[in-house]
Amino acid sequence: MQADKKNDQPGPDHDDLRWAVEAELAWHEGDAKATIATLLEDNRHLRVQLALMEAAGSKGFTRGWRPSYERK
């Protein structure tokens, strides 16, 4: 797996991401596997919510916009 080039560069986005990673690890008392499991479960939940919204929302409501399930 290749690292995201955007996050390899120092700057505000990198600092925010680094802080968020440290906060997640601290929440799980440094347990990386528990942190990853929680984030994967959060991701699954959000994908379900996105699918429900896609099914419930009309094209007119979103002006033709359709959600993307994969990050670009």
N, C-alpha and C. Protein backbone atom coordinates (compact mmCIF):
# COMPACT_ATOMS: atom_id res chain seq x y z
N MET A 1 0.85 -1.18 0.00
CA MET A 1 0.00 0.00 0.00
C MET A 1 0.89 1.23 0.00
N GLN A 2 0.60 2.17 -0.86
CA GLN A 2 1.39 3.38 -0.98
C GLN A 2 0.84 4.47 -0.09
N ALA A 3 1.74 5.26 0.51
CA ALA A 3 1.31 6.37 1.35
C ALA A 3 0.73 7.47 0.48
N ASP A 4 -0.24 8.17 1.02
CA ASP A 4 -0.84 9.30 0.32
C ASP A 4 0.17 10.43 0.30
N LYS A 5 0.53 10.88 -0.89
CA LYS A 5 1.55 11.93 -1.04
C LYS A 5 1.14 13.21 -0.34
N LYS A 6 -0.16 13.51 -0.33
CA LYS A 6 -0.64 14.73 0.31
C LYS A 6 -0.28 14.75 1.80
N ASN A 7 -0.36 13.58 2.45
CA ASN A 7 -0.11 13.51 3.88
C ASN A 7 1.36 13.37 4.24
N ASP A 8 2.23 13.21 3.21
CA ASP A 8 3.67 13.13 3.47
C ASP A 8 4.28 14.52 3.66
N GLN A 9 3.56 15.53 3.28
CA GLN A 9 4.07 16.89 3.34
C GLN A 9 3.68 17.57 4.65
N PRO A 10 4.60 18.30 5.27
CA PRO A 10 4.24 19.04 6.49
C PRO A 10 3.24 20.14 6.16
N GLY A 11 2.45 20.50 7.13
CA GLY A 11 1.48 21.57 6.93
C GLY A 11 0.27 21.32 7.80
N PRO A 12 -0.72 22.20 7.70
CA PRO A 12 -1.90 22.12 8.55
C PRO A 12 -2.64 20.78 8.43
N ASP A 13 -2.83 20.28 7.21
CA ASP A 13 -3.56 19.02 7.04
C ASP A 13 -2.80 17.88 7.67
N HIS A 14 -1.50 17.86 7.49
CA HIS A 14 -0.66 16.81 8.07
C HIS A 14 -0.70 16.87 9.59
N ASP A 15 -0.61 18.07 10.13
CA ASP A 15 -0.66 18.25 11.59
C ASP A 15 -2.00 17.81 12.16
N ASP A 16 -3.09 18.14 11.47
CA ASP A 16 -4.43 17.73 11.92
C ASP A 16 -4.56 16.21 11.90
N LEU A 17 -4.06 15.59 10.84
CA LEU A 17 -4.12 14.15 10.73
C LEU A 17 -3.28 13.48 11.81
N ARG A 18 -2.09 13.99 12.02
CA ARG A 18 -1.22 13.43 13.06
C ARG A 18 -1.88 13.56 14.44
N TRP A 19 -2.48 14.71 14.71
CA TRP A 19 -3.17 14.91 16.00
C TRP A 19 -4.33 13.93 16.13
N ALA A 20 -5.11 13.75 15.06
CA ALA A 20 -6.26 12.85 15.10
C ALA A 20 -5.83 11.41 15.35
N VAL A 21 -4.73 10.99 14.73
CA VAL A 21 -4.22 9.64 14.95
C VAL A 21 -3.81 9.47 16.41
N GLU A 22 -3.10 10.43 16.95
CA GLU A 22 -2.66 10.36 18.35
C GLU A 22 -3.86 10.35 19.30
N ALA A 23 -4.89 11.14 18.98
CA ALA A 23 -6.08 11.19 19.82
C ALA A 23 -6.81 9.85 19.81
N GLU A 24 -6.93 9.23 18.63
CA GLU A 24 -7.59 7.92 18.54
C GLU A 24 -6.82 6.87 19.32
N LEU A 25 -5.51 6.86 19.17
CA LEU A 25 -4.69 5.89 19.90
C LEU A 25 -4.81 6.11 21.42
N ALA A 26 -4.82 7.36 21.84
CA ALA A 26 -4.95 7.66 23.26
C ALA A 26 -6.30 7.19 23.80
N TRP A 27 -7.35 7.38 23.01
CA TRP A 27 -8.69 6.95 23.42
C TRP A 27 -8.72 5.45 23.69
N HIS A 28 -7.94 4.71 22.90
CA HIS A 28 -7.88 3.25 23.04
C HIS A 28 -6.65 2.80 23.84
N GLU A 29 -6.12 3.70 24.62
CA GLU A 29 -4.99 3.44 25.51
C GLU A 29 -3.80 2.83 24.78
N GLY A 30 -3.55 3.30 23.56
CA GLY A 30 -2.40 2.86 22.78
C GLY A 30 -2.58 1.55 22.05
N ASP A 31 -3.75 0.95 22.14
CA ASP A 31 -4.01 -0.34 21.47
C ASP A 31 -4.34 -0.07 19.99
N ALA A 32 -3.36 -0.32 19.12
CA ALA A 32 -3.53 -0.02 17.70
C ALA A 32 -4.62 -0.89 17.07
N LYS A 33 -4.70 -2.16 17.46
CA LYS A 33 -5.72 -3.04 16.88
C LYS A 33 -7.12 -2.60 17.26
N ALA A 34 -7.31 -2.19 18.49
CA ALA A 34 -8.63 -1.69 18.92
C ALA A 34 -8.97 -0.40 18.19
N THR A 35 -7.97 0.44 17.98
CA THR A 35 -8.18 1.70 17.25
C THR A 35 -8.61 1.42 15.82
N ILE A 36 -7.90 0.52 15.15
CA ILE A 36 -8.23 0.18 13.76
C ILE A 36 -9.62 -0.45 13.70
N ALA A 37 -9.93 -1.35 14.62
CA ALA A 37 -11.25 -1.99 14.62
C ALA A 37 -12.36 -0.97 14.77
N THR A 38 -12.18 -0.02 15.67
CA THR A 38 -13.19 1.03 15.87
C THR A 38 -13.34 1.89 14.62
N LEU A 39 -12.24 2.26 14.01
CA LEU A 39 -12.31 3.09 12.81
C LEU A 39 -12.96 2.34 11.64
N LEU A 40 -12.67 1.04 11.52
CA LEU A 40 -13.32 0.24 10.47
C LEU A 40 -14.82 0.13 10.73
N GLU A 41 -15.21 -0.04 11.97
CA GLU A 41 -16.63 -0.11 12.31
C GLU A 41 -17.32 1.24 12.05
N ASP A 42 -16.65 2.34 12.37
CA ASP A 42 -17.19 3.67 12.06
C ASP A 42 -17.36 3.84 10.56
N ASN A 43 -16.37 3.38 9.79
CA ASN A 43 -16.43 3.48 8.34
C ASN A 43 -17.62 2.68 7.80
N ARG A 44 -17.80 1.46 8.32
CA ARG A 44 -18.93 0.63 7.90
C ARG A 44 -20.26 1.32 8.19
N HIS A 45 -20.37 1.87 9.38
CA HIS A 45 -21.60 2.57 9.76
C HIS A 45 -21.88 3.75 8.82
N LEU A 46 -20.86 4.53 8.52
CA LEU A 46 -21.05 5.69 7.64
C LEU A 46 -21.40 5.27 6.22
N ARG A 47 -20.84 4.15 5.74
CA ARG A 47 -21.21 3.66 4.41
C ARG A 47 -22.67 3.24 4.37
N VAL A 48 -23.16 2.61 5.44
CA VAL A 48 -24.57 2.23 5.51
C VAL A 48 -25.44 3.49 5.51
N GLN A 49 -25.05 4.49 6.29
CA GLN A 49 -25.81 5.74 6.34
C GLN A 49 -25.83 6.41 4.96
N LEU A 50 -24.71 6.38 4.26
CA LEU A 50 -24.63 6.96 2.92
C LEU A 50 -25.53 6.21 1.95
N ALA A 51 -25.55 4.89 2.04
CA ALA A 51 -26.42 4.09 1.18
C ALA A 51 -27.89 4.39 1.46
N LEU A 52 -28.25 4.54 2.74
CA LEU A 52 -29.63 4.88 3.08
C LEU A 52 -30.00 6.26 2.53
N MET A 53 -29.10 7.20 2.65
CA MET A 53 -29.37 8.54 2.13
C MET A 53 -29.51 8.53 0.62
N GLU A 54 -28.67 7.74 -0.03
CA GLU A 54 -28.75 7.65 -1.49
C GLU A 54 -30.10 7.06 -1.91
N ALA A 55 -30.57 6.06 -1.18
CA ALA A 55 -31.84 5.44 -1.51
C ALA A 55 -33.03 6.36 -1.21
N ALA A 56 -32.91 7.15 -0.15
CA ALA A 56 -34.01 8.01 0.27
C ALA A 56 -34.06 9.34 -0.47
N GLY A 57 -32.92 9.84 -0.90
CA GLY A 57 -32.86 11.14 -1.56
C GLY A 57 -33.14 11.04 -3.04
N SER A 58 -33.82 12.01 -3.57
CA SER A 58 -34.10 12.02 -5.00
C SER A 58 -33.00 12.75 -5.75
N LYS A 59 -32.92 12.51 -7.06
CA LYS A 59 -31.93 13.22 -7.88
C LYS A 59 -32.20 14.72 -7.86
N GLY A 60 -33.47 15.09 -7.81
CA GLY A 60 -33.81 16.51 -7.76
C GLY A 60 -33.33 17.18 -6.49
N PHE A 61 -33.41 16.44 -5.39
CA PHE A 61 -32.96 16.97 -4.10
C PHE A 61 -31.47 17.25 -4.11
N THR A 62 -30.71 16.37 -4.76
CA THR A 62 -29.25 16.52 -4.78
C THR A 62 -28.75 17.14 -6.08
N ARG A 63 -29.68 17.51 -6.94
CA ARG A 63 -29.36 18.12 -8.24
C ARG A 63 -28.43 17.24 -9.07
N GLY A 64 -28.70 15.93 -9.02
CA GLY A 64 -27.95 14.99 -9.83
C GLY A 64 -26.69 14.43 -9.17
N TRP A 65 -26.32 14.98 -8.02
CA TRP A 65 -25.12 14.49 -7.33
C TRP A 65 -25.37 13.09 -6.80
N ARG A 66 -24.41 12.22 -6.97
CA ARG A 66 -24.47 10.89 -6.41
C ARG A 66 -23.24 10.69 -5.52
N PRO A 67 -23.40 10.04 -4.37
CA PRO A 67 -22.27 9.85 -3.48
C PRO A 67 -21.24 8.90 -4.05
N SER A 68 -20.01 9.08 -3.63
CA SER A 68 -18.94 8.18 -4.00
C SER A 68 -18.55 7.40 -2.74
N TYR A 69 -18.50 6.09 -2.87
CA TYR A 69 -18.17 5.26 -1.72
C TYR A 69 -16.67 5.10 -1.54
N GLU A 70 -15.91 5.47 -2.54
CA GLU A 70 -14.45 5.37 -2.46
C GLU A 70 -13.85 6.77 -2.45
N ARG A 71 -12.82 6.95 -1.67
CA ARG A 71 -12.12 8.22 -1.59
C ARG A 71 -11.30 8.41 -2.86
N LYS A 72 -11.30 9.62 -3.38
CA LYS A 72 -10.54 9.91 -4.61
C LYS A 72 -9.37 10.78 -4.31
